[in-house]
Amino acid sequence: QVQLVESGGGLVQAGGSLRLSCAASGRALQYYHMGWFRQAPGKEREFVATISWSGSTSYADSVKGRFTISRDVAKTTLYLQMNSLKPEDTAVYYCNLVTVSGAPFGSWGQGTQVTVSA
């Protein structure tokens, strides 16, 4: 079973940047599609970005052009580079395995908190 641990969150001013990491244990990830999701207070968890095993990416319209999803060469760590952060990006960010259609299907980790101040 794959276990995912998110890290890299923090408090940043609007316009700033953060890089989130998602470390996997238990299984190599090179043949999995993976994604980032986020949940703001009082809201449903939402899709942020996905990356296929071959490197194809997709993004939510709200983060397109500002966020970049990537994975390392060994494909054991997933990243989310977040630039030009906005207060509305404030949320707990989670990574997960996803299906071809982008639906998450693995176990959720604890996530990492991102707070963007105005």
PDB file of N, CA and C in Angstrom:
ATOM      1  N   GLN A   1       0.846  -1.190   0.000  1.00  0.00           N
ATOM      2  CA  GLN A   1       0.000   0.000   0.000  1.00  0.00           C
ATOM      3  C   GLN A   1       0.879   1.236   0.000  1.00  0.00           C
ATOM      4  N   VAL A   2       0.535   2.193  -0.830  1.00  0.00           N
ATOM      5  CA  VAL A   2       1.301   3.417  -0.921  1.00  0.00           C
ATOM      6  C   VAL A   2       0.903   4.362   0.192  1.00  0.00           C
ATOM      7  N   GLN A   3       1.901   4.891   0.869  1.00  0.00           N
ATOM      8  CA  GLN A   3       1.654   5.926   1.874  1.00  0.00           C
ATOM      9  C   GLN A   3       2.250   7.227   1.371  1.00  0.00           C
ATOM     10  N   LEU A   4       1.462   8.281   1.470  1.00  0.00           N
ATOM     11  CA  LEU A   4       1.862   9.580   0.947  1.00  0.00           C
ATOM     12  C   LEU A   4       1.958  10.586   2.081  1.00  0.00           C
ATOM     13  N   VAL A   5       3.046  11.357   2.087  1.00  0.00           N
ATOM     14  CA  VAL A   5       3.260  12.368   3.124  1.00  0.00           C
ATOM     15  C   VAL A   5       3.556  13.693   2.451  1.00  0.00           C
ATOM     16  N   GLU A   6       2.696  14.674   2.722  1.00  0.00           N
ATOM     17  CA  GLU A   6       2.850  16.001   2.147  1.00  0.00           C
ATOM     18  C   GLU A   6       3.661  16.897   3.077  1.00  0.00           C
ATOM     19  N   SER A   7       4.406  17.824   2.482  1.00  0.00           N
ATOM     20  CA  SER A   7       5.178  18.785   3.268  1.00  0.00           C
ATOM     21  C   SER A   7       5.425  20.035   2.436  1.00  0.00           C
ATOM     22  N   GLY A   8       5.927  21.073   3.095  1.00  0.00           N
ATOM     23  CA  GLY A   8       6.313  22.285   2.381  1.00  0.00           C
ATOM     24  C   GLY A   8       5.374  23.452   2.535  1.00  0.00           C
ATOM     25  N   GLY A   9       4.258  23.243   3.213  1.00  0.00           N
ATOM     26  CA  GLY A   9       3.316  24.336   3.396  1.00  0.00           C
ATOM     27  C   GLY A   9       3.848  25.380   4.363  1.00  0.00           C
ATOM     28  N   GLY A  10       3.088  26.460   4.504  1.00  0.00           N
ATOM     29  CA  GLY A  10       3.492  27.517   5.417  1.00  0.00           C
ATOM     30  C   GLY A  10       2.676  28.767   5.209  1.00  0.00           C
ATOM     31  N   LEU A  11       3.143  29.827   5.843  1.00  0.00           N
ATOM     32  CA  LEU A  11       2.495  31.132   5.745  1.00  0.00           C
ATOM     33  C   LEU A  11       3.311  32.000   4.787  1.00  0.00           C
ATOM     34  N   VAL A  12       2.640  32.592   3.824  1.00  0.00           N
ATOM     35  CA  VAL A  12       3.329  33.412   2.836  1.00  0.00           C
ATOM     36  C   VAL A  12       2.439  34.595   2.480  1.00  0.00           C
ATOM     37  N   GLN A  13       3.053  35.697   2.112  1.00  0.00           N
ATOM     38  CA  GLN A  13       2.286  36.861   1.676  1.00  0.00           C
ATOM     39  C   GLN A  13       1.799  36.684   0.248  1.00  0.00           C
ATOM     40  N   ALA A  14       0.735  37.356  -0.076  1.00  0.00           N
ATOM     41  CA  ALA A  14       0.217  37.325  -1.442  1.00  0.00           C
ATOM     42  C   ALA A  14       1.320  37.722  -2.419  1.00  0.00           C
ATOM     43  N   GLY A  15       1.393  36.972  -3.520  1.00  0.00           N
ATOM     44  CA  GLY A  15       2.443  37.199  -4.494  1.00  0.00           C
ATOM     45  C   GLY A  15       3.667  36.337  -4.281  1.00  0.00           C
ATOM     46  N   GLY A  16       3.730  35.679  -3.147  1.00  0.00           N
ATOM     47  CA  GLY A  16       4.876  34.841  -2.827  1.00  0.00           C
ATOM     48  C   GLY A  16       4.783  33.455  -3.449  1.00  0.00           C
ATOM     49  N   SER A  17       5.754  32.617  -3.100  1.00  0.00           N
ATOM     50  CA  SER A  17       5.846  31.273  -3.663  1.00  0.00           C
ATOM     51  C   SER A  17       6.079  30.232  -2.574  1.00  0.00           C
ATOM     52  N   LEU A  18       5.640  29.034  -2.859  1.00  0.00           N
ATOM     53  CA  LEU A  18       5.911  27.874  -2.017  1.00  0.00           C
ATOM     54  C   LEU A  18       6.076  26.663  -2.924  1.00  0.00           C
ATOM     55  N   ARG A  19       6.833  25.683  -2.438  1.00  0.00           N
ATOM     56  CA  ARG A  19       6.969  24.422  -3.160  1.00  0.00           C
ATOM     57  C   ARG A  19       6.556  23.298  -2.237  1.00  0.00           C
ATOM     58  N   LEU A  20       5.513  22.603  -2.615  1.00  0.00           N
ATOM     59  CA  LEU A  20       5.032  21.469  -1.835  1.00  0.00           C
ATOM     60  C   LEU A  20       5.661  20.178  -2.346  1.00  0.00           C
ATOM     61  N   SER A  21       5.863  19.252  -1.424  1.00  0.00           N
ATOM     62  CA  SER A  21       6.397  17.940  -1.778  1.00  0.00           C
ATOM     63  C   SER A  21       5.457  16.864  -1.275  1.00  0.00           C
ATOM     64  N   CYS A  22       5.459  15.746  -1.973  1.00  0.00           N
ATOM     65  CA  CYS A  22       4.666  14.581  -1.588  1.00  0.00           C
ATOM     66  C   CYS A  22       5.570  13.371  -1.722  1.00  0.00           C
ATOM     67  N   ALA A  23       5.971  12.828  -0.580  1.00  0.00           N
ATOM     68  CA  ALA A  23       6.877  11.693  -0.573  1.00  0.00           C
ATOM     69  C   ALA A  23       6.076  10.404  -0.451  1.00  0.00           C
ATOM     70  N   ALA A  24       6.450   9.423  -1.221  1.00  0.00           N
ATOM     71  CA  ALA A  24       5.748   8.147  -1.236  1.00  0.00           C
ATOM     72  C   ALA A  24       6.601   7.052  -0.620  1.00  0.00           C
ATOM     73  N   SER A  25       5.967   6.189   0.090  1.00  0.00           N
ATOM     74  CA  SER A  25       6.663   5.020   0.624  1.00  0.00           C
ATOM     75  C   SER A  25       5.789   3.803   0.382  1.00  0.00           C
ATOM     76  N   GLY A  26       6.437   2.679   0.264  1.00  0.00           N
ATOM     77  CA  GLY A  26       5.682   1.461   0.102  1.00  0.00           C
ATOM     78  C   GLY A  26       5.616   0.957  -1.328  1.00  0.00           C
ATOM     79  N   ARG A  27       5.794   1.865  -2.275  1.00  0.00           N
ATOM     80  CA  ARG A  27       5.744   1.447  -3.670  1.00  0.00           C
ATOM     81  C   ARG A  27       6.265   2.560  -4.563  1.00  0.00           C
ATOM     82  N   ALA A  28       6.964   2.196  -5.600  1.00  0.00           N
ATOM     83  CA  ALA A  28       7.422   3.202  -6.554  1.00  0.00           C
ATOM     84  C   ALA A  28       6.222   3.755  -7.308  1.00  0.00           C
ATOM     85  N   LEU A  29       6.328   4.983  -7.737  1.00  0.00           N
ATOM     86  CA  LEU A  29       5.173   5.661  -8.314  1.00  0.00           C
ATOM     87  C   LEU A  29       5.234   5.831  -9.818  1.00  0.00           C
ATOM     88  N   GLN A  30       6.281   5.263 -10.440  1.00  0.00           N
ATOM     89  CA  GLN A  30       6.498   5.650 -11.832  1.00  0.00           C
ATOM     90  C   GLN A  30       5.366   5.271 -12.760  1.00  0.00           C
ATOM     91  N   TYR A  31       4.517   4.327 -12.388  1.00  0.00           N
ATOM     92  CA  TYR A  31       3.436   3.939 -13.290  1.00  0.00           C
ATOM     93  C   TYR A  31       2.077   4.457 -12.855  1.00  0.00           C
ATOM     94  N   TYR A  32       2.107   5.375 -11.866  1.00  0.00           N
ATOM     95  CA  TYR A  32       0.855   5.938 -11.378  1.00  0.00           C
ATOM     96  C   TYR A  32       0.659   7.355 -11.893  1.00  0.00           C
ATOM     97  N   HIS A  33      -0.584   7.679 -12.137  1.00  0.00           N
ATOM     98  CA  HIS A  33      -0.953   9.076 -12.306  1.00  0.00           C
ATOM     99  C   HIS A  33      -1.124   9.649 -10.901  1.00  0.00           C
ATOM    100  N   MET A  34      -0.737  10.903 -10.729  1.00  0.00           N
ATOM    101  CA  MET A  34      -0.833  11.497  -9.398  1.00  0.00           C
ATOM    102  C   MET A  34      -1.396  12.904  -9.482  1.00  0.00           C
ATOM    103  N   GLY A  35      -1.906  13.372  -8.354  1.00  0.00           N
ATOM    104  CA  GLY A  35      -2.512  14.684  -8.365  1.00  0.00           C
ATOM    105  C   GLY A  35      -2.410  15.413  -7.038  1.00  0.00           C
ATOM    106  N   TRP A  36      -2.638  16.707  -7.105  1.00  0.00           N
ATOM    107  CA  TRP A  36      -2.747  17.571  -5.938  1.00  0.00           C
ATOM    108  C   TRP A  36      -4.189  18.048  -5.825  1.00  0.00           C
ATOM    109  N   PHE A  37      -4.655  18.094  -4.593  1.00  0.00           N
ATOM    110  CA  PHE A  37      -5.991  18.565  -4.286  1.00  0.00           C
ATOM    111  C   PHE A  37      -5.868  19.524  -3.108  1.00  0.00           C
ATOM    112  N   ARG A  38      -6.909  20.311  -2.875  1.00  0.00           N
ATOM    113  CA  ARG A  38      -6.891  21.216  -1.729  1.00  0.00           C
ATOM    114  C   ARG A  38      -8.282  21.357  -1.159  1.00  0.00           C
ATOM    115  N   GLN A  39      -8.306  21.687   0.136  1.00  0.00           N
ATOM    116  CA  GLN A  39      -9.569  21.897   0.820  1.00  0.00           C
ATOM    117  C   GLN A  39      -9.463  23.128   1.682  1.00  0.00           C
ATOM    118  N   ALA A  40     -10.259  24.127   1.344  1.00  0.00           N
ATOM    119  CA  ALA A  40     -10.316  25.358   2.120  1.00  0.00           C
ATOM    120  C   ALA A  40     -11.354  25.197   3.221  1.00  0.00           C
ATOM    121  N   PRO A  41     -11.258  25.982   4.284  1.00  0.00           N
ATOM    122  CA  PRO A  41     -12.233  25.875   5.381  1.00  0.00           C
ATOM    123  C   PRO A  41     -13.655  26.034   4.886  1.00  0.00           C
ATOM    124  N   GLY A  42     -14.492  25.078   5.268  1.00  0.00           N
ATOM    125  CA  GLY A  42     -15.895  25.156   4.910  1.00  0.00           C
ATOM    126  C   GLY A  42     -16.220  24.786   3.478  1.00  0.00           C
ATOM    127  N   LYS A  43     -15.238  24.306   2.739  1.00  0.00           N
ATOM    128  CA  LYS A  43     -15.458  23.961   1.333  1.00  0.00           C
ATOM    129  C   LYS A  43     -15.109  22.507   1.068  1.00  0.00           C
ATOM    130  N   GLU A  44     -15.586  22.013  -0.060  1.00  0.00           N
ATOM    131  CA  GLU A  44     -15.269  20.663  -0.477  1.00  0.00           C
ATOM    132  C   GLU A  44     -13.824  20.595  -0.991  1.00  0.00           C
ATOM    133  N   ARG A  45     -13.254  19.413  -0.891  1.00  0.00           N
ATOM    134  CA  ARG A  45     -11.926  19.210  -1.462  1.00  0.00           C
ATOM    135  C   ARG A  45     -12.027  19.346  -2.981  1.00  0.00           C
ATOM    136  N   GLU A  46     -11.047  20.030  -3.582  1.00  0.00           N
ATOM    137  CA  GLU A  46     -11.106  20.271  -5.018  1.00  0.00           C
ATOM    138  C   GLU A  46      -9.806  19.909  -5.711  1.00  0.00           C
ATOM    139  N   PHE A  47      -9.924  19.632  -6.974  1.00  0.00           N
ATOM    140  CA  PHE A  47      -8.796  19.298  -7.817  1.00  0.00           C
ATOM    141  C   PHE A  47      -7.913  20.521  -8.051  1.00  0.00           C
ATOM    142  N   VAL A  48      -6.600  20.325  -8.029  1.00  0.00           N
ATOM    143  CA  VAL A  48      -5.658  21.394  -8.322  1.00  0.00           C
ATOM    144  C   VAL A  48      -4.868  21.077  -9.594  1.00  0.00           C
ATOM    145  N   ALA A  49      -4.237  19.904  -9.614  1.00  0.00           N
ATOM    146  CA  ALA A  49      -3.411  19.542 -10.767  1.00  0.00           C
ATOM    147  C   ALA A  49      -3.165  18.035 -10.770  1.00  0.00           C
ATOM    148  N   THR A  50      -2.941  17.491 -11.956  1.00  0.00           N
ATOM    149  CA  THR A  50      -2.571  16.086 -12.075  1.00  0.00           C
ATOM    150  C   THR A  50      -1.404  15.945 -13.045  1.00  0.00           C
ATOM    151  N   ILE A  51      -0.681  14.841 -12.882  1.00  0.00           N
ATOM    152  CA  ILE A  51       0.403  14.501 -13.795  1.00  0.00           C
ATOM    153  C   ILE A  51       0.328  13.011 -14.080  1.00  0.00           C
ATOM    154  N   SER A  52       0.401  12.639 -15.346  1.00  0.00           N
ATOM    155  CA  SER A  52       0.325  11.230 -15.711  1.00  0.00           C
ATOM    156  C   SER A  52       1.694  10.575 -15.525  1.00  0.00           C
ATOM    157  N   TRP A  53       1.730   9.269 -15.639  1.00  0.00           N
ATOM    158  CA  TRP A  53       2.998   8.561 -15.484  1.00  0.00           C
ATOM    159  C   TRP A  53       3.985   8.977 -16.575  1.00  0.00           C
ATOM    160  N   SER A  54       3.438   9.445 -17.705  1.00  0.00           N
ATOM    161  CA  SER A  54       4.301   9.847 -18.814  1.00  0.00           C
ATOM    162  C   SER A  54       4.672  11.322 -18.757  1.00  0.00           C
ATOM    163  N   GLY A  55       4.098  12.057 -17.808  1.00  0.00           N
ATOM    164  CA  GLY A  55       4.459  13.457 -17.645  1.00  0.00           C
ATOM    165  C   GLY A  55       3.446  14.461 -18.160  1.00  0.00           C
ATOM    166  N   SER A  56       2.341  14.024 -18.689  1.00  0.00           N
ATOM    167  CA  SER A  56       1.297  14.950 -19.132  1.00  0.00           C
ATOM    168  C   SER A  56       0.627  15.583 -17.919  1.00  0.00           C
ATOM    169  N   THR A  57       0.365  16.878 -18.007  1.00  0.00           N
ATOM    170  CA  THR A  57      -0.194  17.595 -16.865  1.00  0.00           C
ATOM    171  C   THR A  57      -1.533  18.247 -17.199  1.00  0.00           C
ATOM    172  N   SER A  58      -2.300  18.489 -16.152  1.00  0.00           N
ATOM    173  CA  SER A  58      -3.540  19.250 -16.275  1.00  0.00           C
ATOM    174  C   SER A  58      -3.724  20.065 -15.007  1.00  0.00           C
ATOM    175  N   TYR A  59      -4.397  21.207 -15.142  1.00  0.00           N
ATOM    176  CA  TYR A  59      -4.549  22.130 -14.022  1.00  0.00           C
ATOM    177  C   TYR A  59      -5.971  22.662 -13.930  1.00  0.00           C
ATOM    178  N   ALA A  60      -6.361  22.980 -12.711  1.00  0.00           N
ATOM    179  CA  ALA A  60      -7.600  23.712 -12.520  1.00  0.00           C
ATOM    180  C   ALA A  60      -7.417  25.112 -13.106  1.00  0.00           C
ATOM    181  N   ASP A  61      -8.495  25.675 -13.627  1.00  0.00           N
ATOM    182  CA  ASP A  61      -8.411  27.012 -14.226  1.00  0.00           C
ATOM    183  C   ASP A  61      -7.905  28.051 -13.227  1.00  0.00           C
ATOM    184  N   SER A  62      -8.237  27.866 -11.963  1.00  0.00           N
ATOM    185  CA  SER A  62      -7.885  28.851 -10.941  1.00  0.00           C
ATOM    186  C   SER A  62      -6.380  28.919 -10.666  1.00  0.00           C
ATOM    187  N   VAL A  63      -5.630  27.891 -11.052  1.00  0.00           N
ATOM    188  CA  VAL A  63      -4.189  27.881 -10.773  1.00  0.00           C
ATOM    189  C   VAL A  63      -3.352  27.839 -12.031  1.00  0.00           C
ATOM    190  N   LYS A  64      -3.991  27.712 -13.173  1.00  0.00           N
ATOM    191  CA  LYS A  64      -3.269  27.596 -14.438  1.00  0.00           C
ATOM    192  C   LYS A  64      -2.383  28.819 -14.645  1.00  0.00           C
ATOM    193  N   GLY A  65      -1.136  28.578 -15.006  1.00  0.00           N
ATOM    194  CA  GLY A  65      -0.192  29.659 -15.217  1.00  0.00           C
ATOM    195  C   GLY A  65       0.544  30.088 -13.969  1.00  0.00           C
ATOM    196  N   ARG A  66       0.100  29.630 -12.804  1.00  0.00           N
ATOM    197  CA  ARG A  66       0.748  29.994 -11.544  1.00  0.00           C
ATOM    198  C   ARG A  66       1.377  28.785 -10.856  1.00  0.00           C
ATOM    199  N   PHE A  67       0.744  27.623 -10.973  1.00  0.00           N
ATOM    200  CA  PHE A  67       1.216  26.408 -10.324  1.00  0.00           C
ATOM    201  C   PHE A  67       1.806  25.455 -11.360  1.00  0.00           C
ATOM    202  N   THR A  68       2.799  24.686 -10.920  1.00  0.00           N
ATOM    203  CA  THR A  68       3.413  23.686 -11.782  1.00  0.00           C
ATOM    204  C   THR A  68       3.572  22.377 -11.019  1.00  0.00           C
ATOM    205  N   ILE A  69       3.002  21.308 -11.567  1.00  0.00           N
ATOM    206  CA  ILE A  69       3.133  19.988 -10.955  1.00  0.00           C
ATOM    207  C   ILE A  69       4.278  19.255 -11.650  1.00  0.00           C
ATOM    208  N   SER A  70       5.059  18.514 -10.866  1.00  0.00           N
ATOM    209  CA  SER A  70       6.174  17.761 -11.446  1.00  0.00           C
ATOM    210  C   SER A  70       6.497  16.576 -10.536  1.00  0.00           C
ATOM    211  N   ARG A  71       7.354  15.701 -11.035  1.00  0.00           N
ATOM    212  CA  ARG A  71       7.776  14.549 -10.235  1.00  0.00           C
ATOM    213  C   ARG A  71       9.258  14.340 -10.499  1.00  0.00           C
ATOM    214  N   ASP A  72       9.986  13.764  -9.555  1.00  0.00           N
ATOM    215  CA  ASP A  72      11.427  13.638  -9.731  1.00  0.00           C
ATOM    216  C   ASP A  72      11.766  12.468 -10.641  1.00  0.00           C
ATOM    217  N   VAL A  73      13.028  12.382 -11.046  1.00  0.00           N
ATOM    218  CA  VAL A  73      13.458  11.379 -12.018  1.00  0.00           C
ATOM    219  C   VAL A  73      13.175   9.980 -11.511  1.00  0.00           C
ATOM    220  N   ALA A  74      13.426   9.747 -10.267  1.00  0.00           N
ATOM    221  CA  ALA A  74      13.172   8.426  -9.683  1.00  0.00           C
ATOM    222  C   ALA A  74      11.689   8.185  -9.456  1.00  0.00           C
ATOM    223  N   LYS A  75      10.898   9.264  -9.610  1.00  0.00           N
ATOM    224  CA  LYS A  75       9.444   9.192  -9.516  1.00  0.00           C
ATOM    225  C   LYS A  75       8.958   8.678  -8.174  1.00  0.00           C
ATOM    226  N   THR A  76       9.684   9.085  -7.121  1.00  0.00           N
ATOM    227  CA  THR A  76       9.196   8.740  -5.793  1.00  0.00           C
ATOM    228  C   THR A  76       8.683   9.961  -5.059  1.00  0.00           C
ATOM    229  N   THR A  77       8.837  11.163  -5.640  1.00  0.00           N
ATOM    230  CA  THR A  77       8.360  12.382  -5.011  1.00  0.00           C
ATOM    231  C   THR A  77       7.606  13.230  -6.023  1.00  0.00           C
ATOM    232  N   LEU A  78       6.484  13.747  -5.569  1.00  0.00           N
ATOM    233  CA  LEU A  78       5.643  14.628  -6.369  1.00  0.00           C
ATOM    234  C   LEU A  78       5.806  16.044  -5.836  1.00  0.00           C
ATOM    235  N   TYR A  79       5.812  17.027  -6.730  1.00  0.00           N
ATOM    236  CA  TYR A  79       5.980  18.417  -6.316  1.00  0.00           C
ATOM    237  C   TYR A  79       4.843  19.291  -6.841  1.00  0.00           C
ATOM    238  N   LEU A  80       4.645  20.404  -6.156  1.00  0.00           N
ATOM    239  CA  LEU A  80       3.745  21.440  -6.648  1.00  0.00           C
ATOM    240  C   LEU A  80       4.423  22.781  -6.375  1.00  0.00           C
ATOM    241  N   GLN A  81       4.901  23.404  -7.433  1.00  0.00           N
ATOM    242  CA  GLN A  81       5.470  24.732  -7.325  1.00  0.00           C
ATOM    243  C   GLN A  81       4.350  25.744  -7.462  1.00  0.00           C
ATOM    244  N   MET A  82       4.210  26.580  -6.447  1.00  0.00           N
ATOM    245  CA  MET A  82       3.112  27.545  -6.428  1.00  0.00           C
ATOM    246  C   MET A  82       3.696  28.958  -6.428  1.00  0.00           C
ATOM    247  N   ASN A  83       3.419  29.702  -7.480  1.00  0.00           N
ATOM    248  CA  ASN A  83       3.884  31.076  -7.606  1.00  0.00           C
ATOM    249  C   ASN A  83       2.704  32.035  -7.632  1.00  0.00           C
ATOM    250  N   SER A  84       2.987  33.300  -7.418  1.00  0.00           N
ATOM    251  CA  SER A  84       1.948  34.329  -7.445  1.00  0.00           C
ATOM    252  C   SER A  84       0.747  33.934  -6.596  1.00  0.00           C
ATOM    253  N   LEU A  85       1.027  33.505  -5.382  1.00  0.00           N
ATOM    254  CA  LEU A  85      -0.030  33.008  -4.508  1.00  0.00           C
ATOM    255  C   LEU A  85      -1.021  34.099  -4.156  1.00  0.00           C
ATOM    256  N   LYS A  86      -2.273  33.692  -4.000  1.00  0.00           N
ATOM    257  CA  LYS A  86      -3.367  34.590  -3.667  1.00  0.00           C
ATOM    258  C   LYS A  86      -4.004  34.124  -2.358  1.00  0.00           C
ATOM    259  N   PRO A  87      -4.663  35.027  -1.641  1.00  0.00           N
ATOM    260  CA  PRO A  87      -5.343  34.604  -0.401  1.00  0.00           C
ATOM    261  C   PRO A  87      -6.325  33.457  -0.640  1.00  0.00           C
ATOM    262  N   GLU A  88      -6.948  33.409  -1.798  1.00  0.00           N
ATOM    263  CA  GLU A  88      -7.899  32.326  -2.088  1.00  0.00           C
ATOM    264  C   GLU A  88      -7.228  30.979  -2.314  1.00  0.00           C
ATOM    265  N   ASP A  89      -5.907  30.948  -2.349  1.00  0.00           N
ATOM    266  CA  ASP A  89      -5.185  29.675  -2.417  1.00  0.00           C
ATOM    267  C   ASP A  89      -5.022  29.041  -1.032  1.00  0.00           C
ATOM    268  N   THR A  90      -5.413  29.762   0.002  1.00  0.00           N
ATOM    269  CA  THR A  90      -5.311  29.240   1.360  1.00  0.00           C
ATOM    270  C   THR A  90      -6.146  27.982   1.508  1.00  0.00           C
ATOM    271  N   ALA A  91      -5.503  26.891   1.934  1.00  0.00           N
ATOM    272  CA  ALA A  91      -6.178  25.590   2.043  1.00  0.00           C
ATOM    273  C   ALA A  91      -5.183  24.572   2.593  1.00  0.00           C
ATOM    274  N   VAL A  92      -5.716  23.406   2.925  1.00  0.00           N
ATOM    275  CA  VAL A  92      -4.859  22.253   3.187  1.00  0.00           C
ATOM    276  C   VAL A  92      -4.686  21.532   1.850  1.00  0.00           C
ATOM    277  N   TYR A  93      -3.444  21.267   1.498  1.00  0.00           N
ATOM    278  CA  TYR A  93      -3.131  20.639   0.220  1.00  0.00           C
ATOM    279  C   TYR A  93      -2.785  19.170   0.431  1.00  0.00           C
ATOM    280  N   TYR A  94      -3.342  18.331  -0.436  1.00  0.00           N
ATOM    281  CA  TYR A  94      -3.159  16.886  -0.361  1.00  0.00           C
ATOM    282  C   TYR A  94      -2.677  16.355  -1.702  1.00  0.00           C
ATOM    283  N   CYS A  95      -1.912  15.280  -1.654  1.00  0.00           N
ATOM    284  CA  CYS A  95      -1.575  14.561  -2.873  1.00  0.00           C
ATOM    285  C   CYS A  95      -2.267  13.194  -2.828  1.00  0.00           C
ATOM    286  N   ASN A  96      -2.412  12.604  -3.988  1.00  0.00           N
ATOM    287  CA  ASN A  96      -3.036  11.290  -4.037  1.00  0.00           C
ATOM    288  C   ASN A  96      -2.767  10.640  -5.388  1.00  0.00           C
ATOM    289  N   LEU A  97      -2.968   9.343  -5.428  1.00  0.00           N
ATOM    290  CA  LEU A  97      -2.983   8.632  -6.694  1.00  0.00           C
ATOM    291  C   LEU A  97      -4.301   8.955  -7.380  1.00  0.00           C
ATOM    292  N   VAL A  98      -4.281   9.023  -8.707  1.00  0.00           N
ATOM    293  CA  VAL A  98      -5.514   9.324  -9.420  1.00  0.00           C
ATOM    294  C   VAL A  98      -5.683   8.367 -10.590  1.00  0.00           C
ATOM    295  N   THR A  99      -6.936   8.214 -11.014  1.00  0.00           N
ATOM    296  CA  THR A  99      -7.241   7.403 -12.181  1.00  0.00           C
ATOM    297  C   THR A  99      -6.917   8.196 -13.448  1.00  0.00           C
ATOM    298  N   VAL A 100      -7.093   7.573 -14.584  1.00  0.00           N
ATOM    299  CA  VAL A 100      -6.853   8.245 -15.859  1.00  0.00           C
ATOM    300  C   VAL A 100      -7.740   9.482 -15.984  1.00  0.00           C
ATOM    301  N   SER A 101      -8.914   9.424 -15.398  1.00  0.00           N
ATOM    302  CA  SER A 101      -9.843  10.550 -15.479  1.00  0.00           C
ATOM    303  C   SER A 101      -9.610  11.579 -14.383  1.00  0.00           C
ATOM    304  N   GLY A 102      -8.617  11.331 -13.522  1.00  0.00           N
ATOM    305  CA  GLY A 102      -8.265  12.308 -12.499  1.00  0.00           C
ATOM    306  C   GLY A 102      -8.936  12.130 -11.162  1.00  0.00           C
ATOM    307  N   ALA A 103      -9.666  11.069 -10.987  1.00  0.00           N
ATOM    308  CA  ALA A 103     -10.339  10.829  -9.714  1.00  0.00           C
ATOM    309  C   ALA A 103      -9.363  10.217  -8.710  1.00  0.00           C
ATOM    310  N   PRO A 104      -9.290  10.765  -7.499  1.00  0.00           N
ATOM    311  CA  PRO A 104      -8.384  10.212  -6.490  1.00  0.00           C
ATOM    312  C   PRO A 104      -8.869   8.861  -5.994  1.00  0.00           C
ATOM    313  N   PHE A 105      -7.929   7.937  -5.729  1.00  0.00           N
ATOM    314  CA  PHE A 105      -8.361   6.627  -5.250  1.00  0.00           C
ATOM    315  C   PHE A 105      -7.490   6.055  -4.150  1.00  0.00           C
ATOM    316  N   GLY A 106      -6.418   6.715  -3.774  1.00  0.00           N
ATOM    317  CA  GLY A 106      -5.576   6.234  -2.693  1.00  0.00           C
ATOM    318  C   GLY A 106      -6.065   6.745  -1.349  1.00  0.00           C
ATOM    319  N   SER A 107      -5.289   6.432  -0.322  1.00  0.00           N
ATOM    320  CA  SER A 107      -5.600   6.924   1.017  1.00  0.00           C
ATOM    321  C   SER A 107      -5.121   8.365   1.150  1.00  0.00           C
ATOM    322  N   TRP A 108      -5.923   9.184   1.818  1.00  0.00           N
ATOM    323  CA  TRP A 108      -5.522  10.573   2.021  1.00  0.00           C
ATOM    324  C   TRP A 108      -4.527  10.664   3.177  1.00  0.00           C
ATOM    325  N   GLY A 109      -3.517  11.522   3.009  1.00  0.00           N
ATOM    326  CA  GLY A 109      -2.587  11.789   4.094  1.00  0.00           C
ATOM    327  C   GLY A 109      -3.116  12.925   4.950  1.00  0.00           C
ATOM    328  N   GLN A 110      -2.222  13.492   5.757  1.00  0.00           N
ATOM    329  CA  GLN A 110      -2.628  14.584   6.635  1.00  0.00           C
ATOM    330  C   GLN A 110      -2.673  15.923   5.919  1.00  0.00           C
ATOM    331  N   GLY A 111      -2.016  16.005   4.785  1.00  0.00           N
ATOM    332  CA  GLY A 111      -1.994  17.254   4.046  1.00  0.00           C
ATOM    333  C   GLY A 111      -1.001  18.240   4.633  1.00  0.00           C
ATOM    334  N   THR A 112      -0.833  19.347   3.937  1.00  0.00           N
ATOM    335  CA  THR A 112       0.043  20.410   4.412  1.00  0.00           C
ATOM    336  C   THR A 112      -0.688  21.740   4.250  1.00  0.00           C
ATOM    337  N   GLN A 113      -0.654  22.547   5.305  1.00  0.00           N
ATOM    338  CA  GLN A 113      -1.412  23.800   5.332  1.00  0.00           C
ATOM    339  C   GLN A 113      -0.672  24.901   4.586  1.00  0.00           C
ATOM    340  N   VAL A 114      -1.380  25.552   3.690  1.00  0.00           N
ATOM    341  CA  VAL A 114      -0.869  26.730   2.996  1.00  0.00           C
ATOM    342  C   VAL A 114      -1.760  27.903   3.361  1.00  0.00           C
ATOM    343  N   THR A 115      -1.159  28.956   3.900  1.00  0.00           N
ATOM    344  CA  THR A 115      -1.900  30.144   4.268  1.00  0.00           C
ATOM    345  C   THR A 115      -1.280  31.342   3.563  1.00  0.00           C
ATOM    346  N   VAL A 116      -2.101  32.057   2.805  1.00  0.00           N
ATOM    347  CA  VAL A 116      -1.628  33.217   2.057  1.00  0.00           C
ATOM    348  C   VAL A 116      -2.288  34.463   2.635  1.00  0.00           C
ATOM    349  N   SER A 117      -1.484  35.353   3.145  1.00  0.00           N
ATOM    350  CA  SER A 117      -2.015  36.581   3.735  1.00  0.00           C
ATOM    351  C   SER A 117      -2.090  37.687   2.689  1.00  0.00           C
ATOM    352  N   ALA A 118      -3.085  38.546   2.877  1.00  0.00           N
ATOM    353  CA  ALA A 118      -3.285  39.634   1.897  1.00  0.00           C
ATOM    354  C   ALA A 118      -2.235  40.733   2.055  1.00  0.00           C
TER     355      ALA A 118
END
